[in-house]
């Protein structure tokens, strides 16, 4: 299929609650392929559908050789130590800030055959699952920053060449 262009912070789709996937036909298959192709590029751990302009509950991941996608994901468990880890976002390029995330996360959803899928992990996988699920709920990671870091992020965003 295709590598899709990214949407950046400020685009309304990034702050909109995504609709569930209800049609598992050709359009959804193409969306999943585009998500998988686009997350393949170097430096990408995850990609949510709104980041490529689609308001559906779908994301892909590519963490430590583990690649896949989830349709209609639900974050079903977060546990372990919550700590600040450096986080960035393809929709907020070149900005990295300490973001509080749980050390373990689990997501359940479905695949293209509407069959159950369960993905879980620790470390970067846990971070990616939490981050991508946030996107589907209209949340960009900078909204999770401390007040001071959010202020700094917004200053940097306003002066960036992509905003």
C-alpha atoms as a PDB file:
ATOM      1  CA  UNK A   1       0.000   0.000   0.000  1.00  0.00           C
ATOM      2  CA  UNK A   2       1.534   3.324   1.062  1.00  0.00           C
ATOM      3  CA  UNK A   3       3.426   5.347   3.579  1.00  0.00           C
ATOM      4  CA  UNK A   4       1.062   8.127   4.639  1.00  0.00           C
ATOM      5  CA  UNK A   5       1.774  11.750   5.552  1.00  0.00           C
ATOM      6  CA  UNK A   6       1.603  12.593   9.232  1.00  0.00           C
ATOM      7  CA  UNK A   7      -0.733  15.079  10.879  1.00  0.00           C
ATOM      8  CA  UNK A   8       0.829  17.482  13.366  1.00  0.00           C
ATOM      9  CA  UNK A   9      -0.217  18.977  16.684  1.00  0.00           C
ATOM     10  CA  UNK A  10      -2.893  21.583  16.045  1.00  0.00           C
ATOM     11  CA  UNK A  11      -4.748  19.423  13.501  1.00  0.00           C
ATOM     12  CA  UNK A  12      -8.278  18.938  14.927  1.00  0.00           C
ATOM     13  CA  UNK A  13      -8.278  15.193  14.222  1.00  0.00           C
ATOM     14  CA  UNK A  14      -5.593  14.727  16.879  1.00  0.00           C
ATOM     15  CA  UNK A  15      -7.901  16.059  19.591  1.00  0.00           C
ATOM     16  CA  UNK A  16     -10.998  14.120  18.492  1.00  0.00           C
ATOM     17  CA  UNK A  17     -12.292  10.897  20.028  1.00  0.00           C
ATOM     18  CA  UNK A  18     -12.023   8.214  17.339  1.00  0.00           C
ATOM     19  CA  UNK A  19     -14.931   6.089  16.157  1.00  0.00           C
ATOM     20  CA  UNK A  20     -14.817   2.309  16.482  1.00  0.00           C
ATOM     21  CA  UNK A  21     -14.028   0.222  13.420  1.00  0.00           C
ATOM     22  CA  UNK A  22     -17.272  -1.428  12.314  1.00  0.00           C
ATOM     23  CA  UNK A  23     -16.478  -2.306   8.693  1.00  0.00           C
ATOM     24  CA  UNK A  24     -13.772  -4.928   8.251  1.00  0.00           C
ATOM     25  CA  UNK A  25     -13.693  -4.736   4.459  1.00  0.00           C
ATOM     26  CA  UNK A  26     -11.276  -3.397   1.870  1.00  0.00           C
ATOM     27  CA  UNK A  27     -11.040   0.145   3.302  1.00  0.00           C
ATOM     28  CA  UNK A  28     -10.037  -1.108   6.741  1.00  0.00           C
ATOM     29  CA  UNK A  29      -7.554  -3.573   5.236  1.00  0.00           C
ATOM     30  CA  UNK A  30      -5.960  -0.695   3.315  1.00  0.00           C
ATOM     31  CA  UNK A  31      -5.866   1.436   6.484  1.00  0.00           C
ATOM     32  CA  UNK A  32      -4.088  -1.342   8.411  1.00  0.00           C
ATOM     33  CA  UNK A  33      -1.578  -1.828   5.594  1.00  0.00           C
ATOM     34  CA  UNK A  34      -0.904   1.929   5.507  1.00  0.00           C
ATOM     35  CA  UNK A  35      -0.447   1.983   9.294  1.00  0.00           C
ATOM     36  CA  UNK A  36       1.974  -0.942   9.068  1.00  0.00           C
ATOM     37  CA  UNK A  37       3.899   0.604   6.145  1.00  0.00           C
ATOM     38  CA  UNK A  38       4.116   3.998   7.844  1.00  0.00           C
ATOM     39  CA  UNK A  39       5.289   2.641  11.219  1.00  0.00           C
ATOM     40  CA  UNK A  40       8.062   0.693   9.445  1.00  0.00           C
ATOM     41  CA  UNK A  41      10.118   3.839   8.899  1.00  0.00           C
ATOM     42  CA  UNK A  42      13.148   4.174  11.215  1.00  0.00           C
ATOM     43  CA  UNK A  43      12.576   5.614  14.677  1.00  0.00           C
ATOM     44  CA  UNK A  44       8.898   4.749  14.866  1.00  0.00           C
ATOM     45  CA  UNK A  45       7.481   2.599  17.673  1.00  0.00           C
ATOM     46  CA  UNK A  46       3.777   3.196  17.061  1.00  0.00           C
ATOM     47  CA  UNK A  47       1.283   5.020  14.890  1.00  0.00           C
ATOM     48  CA  UNK A  48      -2.392   5.734  15.484  1.00  0.00           C
ATOM     49  CA  UNK A  49      -4.926   6.226  12.689  1.00  0.00           C
ATOM     50  CA  UNK A  50      -5.631   9.895  13.523  1.00  0.00           C
ATOM     51  CA  UNK A  51      -1.938  10.627  12.977  1.00  0.00           C
ATOM     52  CA  UNK A  52      -2.527   9.869   9.293  1.00  0.00           C
ATOM     53  CA  UNK A  53      -5.874  11.661   9.198  1.00  0.00           C
ATOM     54  CA  UNK A  54      -8.265   8.783   9.895  1.00  0.00           C
ATOM     55  CA  UNK A  55     -10.654   9.073  12.843  1.00  0.00           C
ATOM     56  CA  UNK A  56     -10.941   5.343  13.560  1.00  0.00           C
ATOM     57  CA  UNK A  57      -9.777   3.307  16.559  1.00  0.00           C
ATOM     58  CA  UNK A  58      -6.739   1.588  15.042  1.00  0.00           C
ATOM     59  CA  UNK A  59      -3.005   1.644  15.639  1.00  0.00           C
ATOM     60  CA  UNK A  60       0.140  -0.168  14.582  1.00  0.00           C
ATOM     61  CA  UNK A  61       3.292  -0.862  16.589  1.00  0.00           C
ATOM     62  CA  UNK A  62       6.899  -1.737  15.830  1.00  0.00           C
ATOM     63  CA  UNK A  63       8.855  -2.343  19.025  1.00  0.00           C
ATOM     64  CA  UNK A  64      12.001  -4.449  19.324  1.00  0.00           C
ATOM     65  CA  UNK A  65      11.099  -6.597  16.315  1.00  0.00           C
ATOM     66  CA  UNK A  66       7.515  -7.087  17.460  1.00  0.00           C
ATOM     67  CA  UNK A  67       5.184  -5.648  14.806  1.00  0.00           C
ATOM     68  CA  UNK A  68       1.431  -5.614  14.543  1.00  0.00           C
ATOM     69  CA  UNK A  69      -1.790  -3.677  14.754  1.00  0.00           C
ATOM     70  CA  UNK A  70      -4.914  -3.536  16.888  1.00  0.00           C
ATOM     71  CA  UNK A  71      -8.393  -2.447  15.859  1.00  0.00           C
ATOM     72  CA  UNK A  72     -10.743  -1.066  18.508  1.00  0.00           C
ATOM     73  CA  UNK A  73      -8.056  -1.245  21.191  1.00  0.00           C
ATOM     74  CA  UNK A  74      -8.926  -0.837  24.829  1.00  0.00           C
ATOM     75  CA  UNK A  75      -6.276  -0.270  27.449  1.00  0.00           C
ATOM     76  CA  UNK A  76      -7.279  -3.026  29.889  1.00  0.00           C
ATOM     77  CA  UNK A  77      -4.407  -2.946  32.351  1.00  0.00           C
ATOM     78  CA  UNK A  78      -1.630  -0.637  33.450  1.00  0.00           C
ATOM     79  CA  UNK A  79       0.455  -1.589  36.429  1.00  0.00           C
ATOM     80  CA  UNK A  80       3.849  -1.420  37.934  1.00  0.00           C
ATOM     81  CA  UNK A  81       5.902   1.571  38.827  1.00  0.00           C
ATOM     82  CA  UNK A  82       4.756   4.847  37.298  1.00  0.00           C
ATOM     83  CA  UNK A  83       7.751   6.901  36.383  1.00  0.00           C
ATOM     84  CA  UNK A  84       8.720   9.690  34.063  1.00  0.00           C
ATOM     85  CA  UNK A  85      10.326   8.458  30.878  1.00  0.00           C
ATOM     86  CA  UNK A  86      11.451  10.491  27.893  1.00  0.00           C
ATOM     87  CA  UNK A  87       8.712  10.507  25.293  1.00  0.00           C
ATOM     88  CA  UNK A  88       8.243  11.985  21.860  1.00  0.00           C
ATOM     89  CA  UNK A  89       5.554  11.855  19.200  1.00  0.00           C
ATOM     90  CA  UNK A  90       5.536  11.769  15.421  1.00  0.00           C
ATOM     91  CA  UNK A  91       2.806  14.424  15.534  1.00  0.00           C
ATOM     92  CA  UNK A  92       4.993  16.705  17.670  1.00  0.00           C
ATOM     93  CA  UNK A  93       8.327  16.303  15.843  1.00  0.00           C
ATOM     94  CA  UNK A  94      11.710  16.823  17.470  1.00  0.00           C
ATOM     95  CA  UNK A  95      10.314  17.428  20.971  1.00  0.00           C
ATOM     96  CA  UNK A  96      11.060  15.003  23.801  1.00  0.00           C
ATOM     97  CA  UNK A  97       9.817  15.453  27.364  1.00  0.00           C
ATOM     98  CA  UNK A  98       9.580  13.354  30.530  1.00  0.00           C
ATOM     99  CA  UNK A  99       6.112  11.786  30.584  1.00  0.00           C
ATOM    100  CA  UNK A 100       4.701   9.666  33.386  1.00  0.00           C
ATOM    101  CA  UNK A 101       3.793   6.155  32.210  1.00  0.00           C
ATOM    102  CA  UNK A 102       3.174   2.814  33.889  1.00  0.00           C
ATOM    103  CA  UNK A 103       5.895   0.196  33.419  1.00  0.00           C
ATOM    104  CA  UNK A 104       3.403  -2.416  32.122  1.00  0.00           C
ATOM    105  CA  UNK A 105       0.387  -2.062  29.832  1.00  0.00           C
ATOM    106  CA  UNK A 106      -2.043  -4.425  28.129  1.00  0.00           C
ATOM    107  CA  UNK A 107      -4.447  -3.746  25.277  1.00  0.00           C
ATOM    108  CA  UNK A 108      -7.235  -5.885  23.899  1.00  0.00           C
ATOM    109  CA  UNK A 109      -8.978  -5.388  20.597  1.00  0.00           C
ATOM    110  CA  UNK A 110      -9.602  -7.225  17.349  1.00  0.00           C
ATOM    111  CA  UNK A 111      -7.846  -8.017  14.081  1.00  0.00           C
ATOM    112  CA  UNK A 112      -9.060  -7.664  10.489  1.00  0.00           C
ATOM    113  CA  UNK A 113     -11.190 -10.798  10.898  1.00  0.00           C
ATOM    114  CA  UNK A 114     -12.843  -9.281  13.982  1.00  0.00           C
ATOM    115  CA  UNK A 115     -11.066 -11.916  16.083  1.00  0.00           C
ATOM    116  CA  UNK A 116      -9.751 -11.045  19.571  1.00  0.00           C
ATOM    117  CA  UNK A 117      -6.225  -9.653  19.905  1.00  0.00           C
ATOM    118  CA  UNK A 118      -4.243  -9.110  23.099  1.00  0.00           C
ATOM    119  CA  UNK A 119      -0.969  -7.188  23.193  1.00  0.00           C
ATOM    120  CA  UNK A 120       1.008  -6.409  26.315  1.00  0.00           C
ATOM    121  CA  UNK A 121       4.473  -5.468  27.333  1.00  0.00           C
ATOM    122  CA  UNK A 122       6.852  -3.582  29.532  1.00  0.00           C
ATOM    123  CA  UNK A 123       9.208  -0.709  28.856  1.00  0.00           C
ATOM    124  CA  UNK A 124       8.935   0.777  25.382  1.00  0.00           C
ATOM    125  CA  UNK A 125       6.040  -1.537  24.455  1.00  0.00           C
ATOM    126  CA  UNK A 126       4.074  -0.402  27.525  1.00  0.00           C
ATOM    127  CA  UNK A 127       4.830   3.206  26.649  1.00  0.00           C
ATOM    128  CA  UNK A 128       3.723   2.695  23.015  1.00  0.00           C
ATOM    129  CA  UNK A 129       0.463   0.993  23.993  1.00  0.00           C
ATOM    130  CA  UNK A 130      -0.420   3.816  26.388  1.00  0.00           C
ATOM    131  CA  UNK A 131       0.671   6.521  23.924  1.00  0.00           C
ATOM    132  CA  UNK A 132      -1.227   5.134  20.912  1.00  0.00           C
ATOM    133  CA  UNK A 133      -4.379   4.463  22.933  1.00  0.00           C
ATOM    134  CA  UNK A 134      -4.217   8.070  24.119  1.00  0.00           C
ATOM    135  CA  UNK A 135      -4.215   9.216  20.476  1.00  0.00           C
ATOM    136  CA  UNK A 136      -7.456   7.320  19.863  1.00  0.00           C
ATOM    137  CA  UNK A 137      -9.000   9.182  22.799  1.00  0.00           C
ATOM    138  CA  UNK A 138      -7.914  12.544  21.376  1.00  0.00           C
ATOM    139  CA  UNK A 139      -4.973  12.968  23.763  1.00  0.00           C
ATOM    140  CA  UNK A 140      -1.501  14.036  22.630  1.00  0.00           C
ATOM    141  CA  UNK A 141       1.293  13.234  25.076  1.00  0.00           C
ATOM    142  CA  UNK A 142       2.075  16.885  25.829  1.00  0.00           C
ATOM    143  CA  UNK A 143      -1.277  17.031  27.626  1.00  0.00           C
ATOM    144  CA  UNK A 144       0.171  14.565  30.155  1.00  0.00           C
ATOM    145  CA  UNK A 145       3.232  16.674  30.945  1.00  0.00           C
ATOM    146  CA  UNK A 146       3.830  18.574  34.165  1.00  0.00           C
ATOM    147  CA  UNK A 147       2.645  22.163  34.041  1.00  0.00           C
ATOM    148  CA  UNK A 148       6.185  23.500  33.585  1.00  0.00           C
ATOM    149  CA  UNK A 149       7.104  20.999  30.852  1.00  0.00           C
ATOM    150  CA  UNK A 150       3.800  21.601  29.057  1.00  0.00           C
ATOM    151  CA  UNK A 151       4.546  25.336  29.054  1.00  0.00           C
ATOM    152  CA  UNK A 152       8.029  24.659  27.637  1.00  0.00           C
ATOM    153  CA  UNK A 153       6.610  22.283  25.019  1.00  0.00           C
ATOM    154  CA  UNK A 154       4.043  24.835  23.874  1.00  0.00           C
ATOM    155  CA  UNK A 155       6.743  27.507  23.546  1.00  0.00           C
ATOM    156  CA  UNK A 156       8.815  25.162  21.401  1.00  0.00           C
ATOM    157  CA  UNK A 157       5.812  24.118  19.317  1.00  0.00           C
ATOM    158  CA  UNK A 158       4.863  27.738  18.573  1.00  0.00           C
ATOM    159  CA  UNK A 159       8.356  28.455  17.239  1.00  0.00           C
ATOM    160  CA  UNK A 160       8.780  25.178  15.316  1.00  0.00           C
ATOM    161  CA  UNK A 161       8.947  25.108  11.527  1.00  0.00           C
ATOM    162  CA  UNK A 162       6.124  22.535  11.262  1.00  0.00           C
ATOM    163  CA  UNK A 163       3.487  24.347  13.340  1.00  0.00           C
END
